[in-house]
Amino acid sequence: MSKRLNLREFQQNLIDRLQATDLSESRVSTLGVQIAGQNWLVDMVDIGEALPLPPLTAVPFAKPWFRGVTNVRGNLYGVIDMAAYAHSGVASDDANNRVLLVADRYGFNAALLVDRVLGLRDARRWQQSEVDGKVEYQDEQGTPWRKLDVPGLLEQAEFLQIGV
């Protein structure tokens, strides 16, 4: 009998093997996303997967930024509209919207709704500055980027309390 792995176990095993063998500086490990018209960088180790926005089931008495729950391969995820959470509007609800599943290592079944994924970005050589105590980057074209601190987000009391 052959040993069968589910897709999630296979992906996590592959990520673990790649991280263990490829620690070179040439590896790009940040994903560019757009939230409320602003560019953000997300560490790839903080997300498990990026998916098109799946169907959502509304949750009564939840805060406006909590869009609902969705089923991803038999697991329920709470979907957080990052634009609404940051008080910068709401997600555009178009075909470019994506949900970023928070990495399994954090133990949260949370999905972060972003307007669009812009692809891998290498910010190591970008100009850095500090704005309001947070690091901001500028790419080669002078476009500003901020870093999304997923572990810090998961520690915020407001993020953990979805009820009104």
C-alpha atoms as a PDB file:
ATOM      1  CA  MET A   1       0.000   0.000   0.000  1.00  0.00           C
ATOM      2  CA  SER A   2       1.250   3.439  -0.822  1.00  0.00           C
ATOM      3  CA  LYS A   3       1.186   6.204   1.728  1.00  0.00           C
ATOM      4  CA  ARG A   4      -1.307   8.939   0.786  1.00  0.00           C
ATOM      5  CA  LEU A   5      -0.824  12.580   1.704  1.00  0.00           C
ATOM      6  CA  ASN A   6      -3.403  15.276   1.471  1.00  0.00           C
ATOM      7  CA  LEU A   7      -2.569  18.434  -0.479  1.00  0.00           C
ATOM      8  CA  ARG A   8      -1.990  20.554   2.621  1.00  0.00           C
ATOM      9  CA  GLU A   9       0.494  18.063   4.095  1.00  0.00           C
ATOM     10  CA  PHE A  10       2.281  17.835   0.750  1.00  0.00           C
ATOM     11  CA  GLN A  11       2.548  21.633   0.467  1.00  0.00           C
ATOM     12  CA  GLN A  12       3.778  22.040   4.044  1.00  0.00           C
ATOM     13  CA  ASN A  13       6.331  19.258   3.563  1.00  0.00           C
ATOM     14  CA  LEU A  14       7.549  20.899   0.363  1.00  0.00           C
ATOM     15  CA  ILE A  15       7.815  24.325   2.042  1.00  0.00           C
ATOM     16  CA  ASP A  16       9.728  22.822   4.970  1.00  0.00           C
ATOM     17  CA  ARG A  17      12.152  21.033   2.645  1.00  0.00           C
ATOM     18  CA  LEU A  18      12.717  24.138   0.525  1.00  0.00           C
ATOM     19  CA  GLN A  19      13.360  26.285   3.571  1.00  0.00           C
ATOM     20  CA  ALA A  20      15.777  23.739   5.001  1.00  0.00           C
ATOM     21  CA  THR A  21      17.800  23.358   1.798  1.00  0.00           C
ATOM     22  CA  ASP A  22      17.616  26.808   0.232  1.00  0.00           C
ATOM     23  CA  LEU A  23      18.754  29.439   2.681  1.00  0.00           C
ATOM     24  CA  SER A  24      20.520  31.485   0.018  1.00  0.00           C
ATOM     25  CA  GLU A  25      20.137  35.242  -0.162  1.00  0.00           C
ATOM     26  CA  SER A  26      18.868  35.028  -3.727  1.00  0.00           C
ATOM     27  CA  ARG A  27      15.479  33.716  -2.622  1.00  0.00           C
ATOM     28  CA  VAL A  28      12.607  36.200  -2.679  1.00  0.00           C
ATOM     29  CA  SER A  29      10.324  35.607   0.272  1.00  0.00           C
ATOM     30  CA  THR A  30       7.797  38.448   0.162  1.00  0.00           C
ATOM     31  CA  LEU A  31       4.526  38.710  -1.698  1.00  0.00           C
ATOM     32  CA  GLY A  32       3.235  42.055  -2.905  1.00  0.00           C
ATOM     33  CA  VAL A  33      -0.473  42.705  -2.341  1.00  0.00           C
ATOM     34  CA  GLN A  34      -2.755  45.699  -2.643  1.00  0.00           C
ATOM     35  CA  ILE A  35      -5.096  46.710   0.175  1.00  0.00           C
ATOM     36  CA  ALA A  36      -7.298  49.800  -0.235  1.00  0.00           C
ATOM     37  CA  GLY A  37      -5.064  51.186  -2.970  1.00  0.00           C
ATOM     38  CA  GLN A  38      -1.879  50.806  -0.900  1.00  0.00           C
ATOM     39  CA  ASN A  39       0.951  48.387  -1.620  1.00  0.00           C
ATOM     40  CA  TRP A  40       1.900  45.923   1.095  1.00  0.00           C
ATOM     41  CA  LEU A  41       4.540  43.231   1.499  1.00  0.00           C
ATOM     42  CA  VAL A  42       3.693  39.944   3.218  1.00  0.00           C
ATOM     43  CA  ASP A  43       6.304  37.409   4.254  1.00  0.00           C
ATOM     44  CA  MET A  44       5.670  34.128   2.463  1.00  0.00           C
ATOM     45  CA  VAL A  45       6.266  32.181   5.684  1.00  0.00           C
ATOM     46  CA  ASP A  46       3.251  33.971   7.199  1.00  0.00           C
ATOM     47  CA  ILE A  47       0.784  32.733   4.595  1.00  0.00           C
ATOM     48  CA  GLY A  48      -0.110  29.229   3.599  1.00  0.00           C
ATOM     49  CA  GLU A  49      -1.881  29.928   0.350  1.00  0.00           C
ATOM     50  CA  ALA A  50      -3.450  32.642  -1.810  1.00  0.00           C
ATOM     51  CA  LEU A  51      -6.855  31.846  -3.309  1.00  0.00           C
ATOM     52  CA  PRO A  52      -9.565  33.597  -5.293  1.00  0.00           C
ATOM     53  CA  LEU A  53     -12.333  34.819  -3.002  1.00  0.00           C
ATOM     54  CA  PRO A  54     -14.494  31.749  -2.263  1.00  0.00           C
ATOM     55  CA  PRO A  55     -18.196  31.930  -1.387  1.00  0.00           C
ATOM     56  CA  LEU A  56     -18.754  33.392   2.072  1.00  0.00           C
ATOM     57  CA  THR A  57     -21.324  32.693   4.750  1.00  0.00           C
ATOM     58  CA  ALA A  58     -22.203  35.782   6.782  1.00  0.00           C
ATOM     59  CA  VAL A  59     -21.816  35.689  10.554  1.00  0.00           C
ATOM     60  CA  PRO A  60     -24.489  37.578  12.497  1.00  0.00           C
ATOM     61  CA  PHE A  61     -23.439  40.195  15.045  1.00  0.00           C
ATOM     62  CA  ALA A  62     -19.895  40.366  13.663  1.00  0.00           C
ATOM     63  CA  LYS A  63     -17.883  43.529  13.114  1.00  0.00           C
ATOM     64  CA  PRO A  64     -18.114  45.007   9.600  1.00  0.00           C
ATOM     65  CA  TRP A  65     -14.551  43.982   8.720  1.00  0.00           C
ATOM     66  CA  PHE A  66     -15.335  40.318   9.416  1.00  0.00           C
ATOM     67  CA  ARG A  67     -16.784  39.283   6.062  1.00  0.00           C
ATOM     68  CA  GLY A  68     -17.843  35.782   7.091  1.00  0.00           C
ATOM     69  CA  VAL A  69     -16.598  32.228   7.023  1.00  0.00           C
ATOM     70  CA  THR A  70     -15.628  30.045   4.106  1.00  0.00           C
ATOM     71  CA  ASN A  71     -14.891  26.376   3.604  1.00  0.00           C
ATOM     72  CA  VAL A  72     -11.471  25.606   2.116  1.00  0.00           C
ATOM     73  CA  ARG A  73     -11.017  21.871   1.563  1.00  0.00           C
ATOM     74  CA  GLY A  74     -13.116  20.998   4.607  1.00  0.00           C
ATOM     75  CA  ASN A  75     -11.652  23.628   6.953  1.00  0.00           C
ATOM     76  CA  LEU A  76     -13.547  26.748   8.013  1.00  0.00           C
ATOM     77  CA  TYR A  77     -11.709  30.065   7.791  1.00  0.00           C
ATOM     78  CA  GLY A  78     -12.794  33.444   9.100  1.00  0.00           C
ATOM     79  CA  VAL A  79     -12.379  36.031   6.321  1.00  0.00           C
ATOM     80  CA  ILE A  80     -11.148  39.480   7.363  1.00  0.00           C
ATOM     81  CA  ASP A  81     -11.465  42.408   4.955  1.00  0.00           C
ATOM     82  CA  MET A  82      -8.086  44.043   5.517  1.00  0.00           C
ATOM     83  CA  ALA A  83      -9.167  47.387   4.023  1.00  0.00           C
ATOM     84  CA  ALA A  84     -12.129  47.582   6.400  1.00  0.00           C
ATOM     85  CA  TYR A  85     -10.010  46.409   9.337  1.00  0.00           C
ATOM     86  CA  ALA A  86      -7.547  49.238   8.669  1.00  0.00           C
ATOM     87  CA  HIS A  87     -10.477  51.708   8.396  1.00  0.00           C
ATOM     88  CA  SER A  88      -9.479  52.449   4.783  1.00  0.00           C
ATOM     89  CA  GLY A  89     -12.680  51.463   2.983  1.00  0.00           C
ATOM     90  CA  VAL A  90     -13.679  47.969   1.926  1.00  0.00           C
ATOM     91  CA  ALA A  91     -12.367  45.393  -0.522  1.00  0.00           C
ATOM     92  CA  SER A  92     -13.390  46.092  -4.101  1.00  0.00           C
ATOM     93  CA  ASP A  93     -15.374  42.837  -4.520  1.00  0.00           C
ATOM     94  CA  ASP A  94     -14.034  42.257  -8.008  1.00  0.00           C
ATOM     95  CA  ALA A  95     -12.472  39.216  -9.686  1.00  0.00           C
ATOM     96  CA  ASN A  96      -8.967  40.276  -8.593  1.00  0.00           C
ATOM     97  CA  ASN A  97      -9.740  39.880  -4.869  1.00  0.00           C
ATOM     98  CA  ARG A  98      -7.733  37.178  -3.113  1.00  0.00           C
ATOM     99  CA  VAL A  99      -7.707  35.633   0.323  1.00  0.00           C
ATOM    100  CA  LEU A 100      -4.398  34.856   1.993  1.00  0.00           C
ATOM    101  CA  LEU A 101      -4.703  31.912   4.350  1.00  0.00           C
ATOM    102  CA  VAL A 102      -2.660  32.493   7.487  1.00  0.00           C
ATOM    103  CA  ALA A 103       0.077  29.862   7.845  1.00  0.00           C
ATOM    104  CA  ASP A 104      -0.839  26.753   9.821  1.00  0.00           C
ATOM    105  CA  ARG A 105       2.023  27.325  12.255  1.00  0.00           C
ATOM    106  CA  TYR A 106       0.062  30.178  13.879  1.00  0.00           C
ATOM    107  CA  GLY A 107      -2.917  27.975  14.727  1.00  0.00           C
ATOM    108  CA  PHE A 108      -5.489  30.471  13.358  1.00  0.00           C
ATOM    109  CA  ASN A 109      -7.970  29.606  10.647  1.00  0.00           C
ATOM    110  CA  ALA A 110      -7.964  33.149   9.323  1.00  0.00           C
ATOM    111  CA  ALA A 111      -8.043  34.381   5.742  1.00  0.00           C
ATOM    112  CA  LEU A 112      -6.988  37.941   4.917  1.00  0.00           C
ATOM    113  CA  LEU A 113      -9.001  39.495   2.079  1.00  0.00           C
ATOM    114  CA  VAL A 114      -6.888  41.746  -0.168  1.00  0.00           C
ATOM    115  CA  ASP A 115      -7.800  43.641  -3.330  1.00  0.00           C
ATOM    116  CA  ARG A 116      -5.210  41.881  -5.474  1.00  0.00           C
ATOM    117  CA  VAL A 117      -1.950  39.988  -5.420  1.00  0.00           C
ATOM    118  CA  LEU A 118       0.862  41.816  -7.207  1.00  0.00           C
ATOM    119  CA  GLY A 119       3.394  38.960  -7.216  1.00  0.00           C
ATOM    120  CA  LEU A 120       6.717  38.290  -5.560  1.00  0.00           C
ATOM    121  CA  ARG A 121       8.759  41.338  -4.613  1.00  0.00           C
ATOM    122  CA  ASP A 122      12.385  41.613  -3.541  1.00  0.00           C
ATOM    123  CA  ALA A 123      12.579  44.572  -1.158  1.00  0.00           C
ATOM    124  CA  ARG A 124      16.089  43.864   0.118  1.00  0.00           C
ATOM    125  CA  ARG A 125      17.627  46.591  -2.057  1.00  0.00           C
ATOM    126  CA  TRP A 126      14.755  49.061  -1.794  1.00  0.00           C
ATOM    127  CA  GLN A 127      15.143  52.297   0.099  1.00  0.00           C
ATOM    128  CA  GLN A 128      13.825  52.031   3.666  1.00  0.00           C
ATOM    129  CA  SER A 129      12.498  54.728   5.948  1.00  0.00           C
ATOM    130  CA  GLU A 130      10.515  54.854   9.176  1.00  0.00           C
ATOM    131  CA  VAL A 131       7.028  56.363   9.103  1.00  0.00           C
ATOM    132  CA  ASP A 132       4.977  56.477  12.318  1.00  0.00           C
ATOM    133  CA  GLY A 133       7.238  53.860  13.886  1.00  0.00           C
ATOM    134  CA  LYS A 134       6.779  51.442  10.962  1.00  0.00           C
ATOM    135  CA  VAL A 135       9.225  50.584   8.212  1.00  0.00           C
ATOM    136  CA  GLU A 136       8.229  51.798   4.777  1.00  0.00           C
ATOM    137  CA  TYR A 137       9.959  50.808   1.569  1.00  0.00           C
ATOM    138  CA  GLN A 138      10.278  52.558  -1.777  1.00  0.00           C
ATOM    139  CA  ASP A 139      10.812  50.478  -4.883  1.00  0.00           C
ATOM    140  CA  GLU A 140      12.891  51.475  -7.897  1.00  0.00           C
ATOM    141  CA  GLN A 141      10.006  53.583  -9.269  1.00  0.00           C
ATOM    142  CA  GLY A 142       9.537  55.418  -5.965  1.00  0.00           C
ATOM    143  CA  THR A 143       6.305  53.581  -5.107  1.00  0.00           C
ATOM    144  CA  PRO A 144       5.783  53.238  -1.335  1.00  0.00           C
ATOM    145  CA  TRP A 145       5.289  49.794   0.226  1.00  0.00           C
ATOM    146  CA  ARG A 146       4.525  48.828   3.818  1.00  0.00           C
ATOM    147  CA  LYS A 147       5.107  45.513   5.529  1.00  0.00           C
ATOM    148  CA  LEU A 148       2.103  43.586   6.845  1.00  0.00           C
ATOM    149  CA  ASP A 149       3.032  42.158  10.248  1.00  0.00           C
ATOM    150  CA  VAL A 150       0.913  38.998  10.357  1.00  0.00           C
ATOM    151  CA  PRO A 151       2.173  37.762  13.763  1.00  0.00           C
ATOM    152  CA  GLY A 152       1.529  41.231  15.227  1.00  0.00           C
ATOM    153  CA  LEU A 153      -1.926  41.285  13.649  1.00  0.00           C
ATOM    154  CA  LEU A 154      -2.790  37.946  15.244  1.00  0.00           C
ATOM    155  CA  GLU A 155      -1.861  39.352  18.664  1.00  0.00           C
ATOM    156  CA  GLN A 156      -4.136  42.390  18.458  1.00  0.00           C
ATOM    157  CA  ALA A 157      -7.106  42.170  20.799  1.00  0.00           C
ATOM    158  CA  GLU A 158      -9.378  43.895  18.270  1.00  0.00           C
ATOM    159  CA  PHE A 159      -8.464  41.337  15.593  1.00  0.00           C
ATOM    160  CA  LEU A 160      -9.300  38.474  17.915  1.00  0.00           C
ATOM    161  CA  GLN A 161     -12.703  39.912  18.921  1.00  0.00           C
ATOM    162  CA  ILE A 162     -15.046  39.736  15.914  1.00  0.00           C
ATOM    163  CA  GLY A 163     -18.309  40.294  17.792  1.00  0.00           C
ATOM    164  CA  VAL A 164     -19.960  43.691  18.026  1.00  0.00           C
END
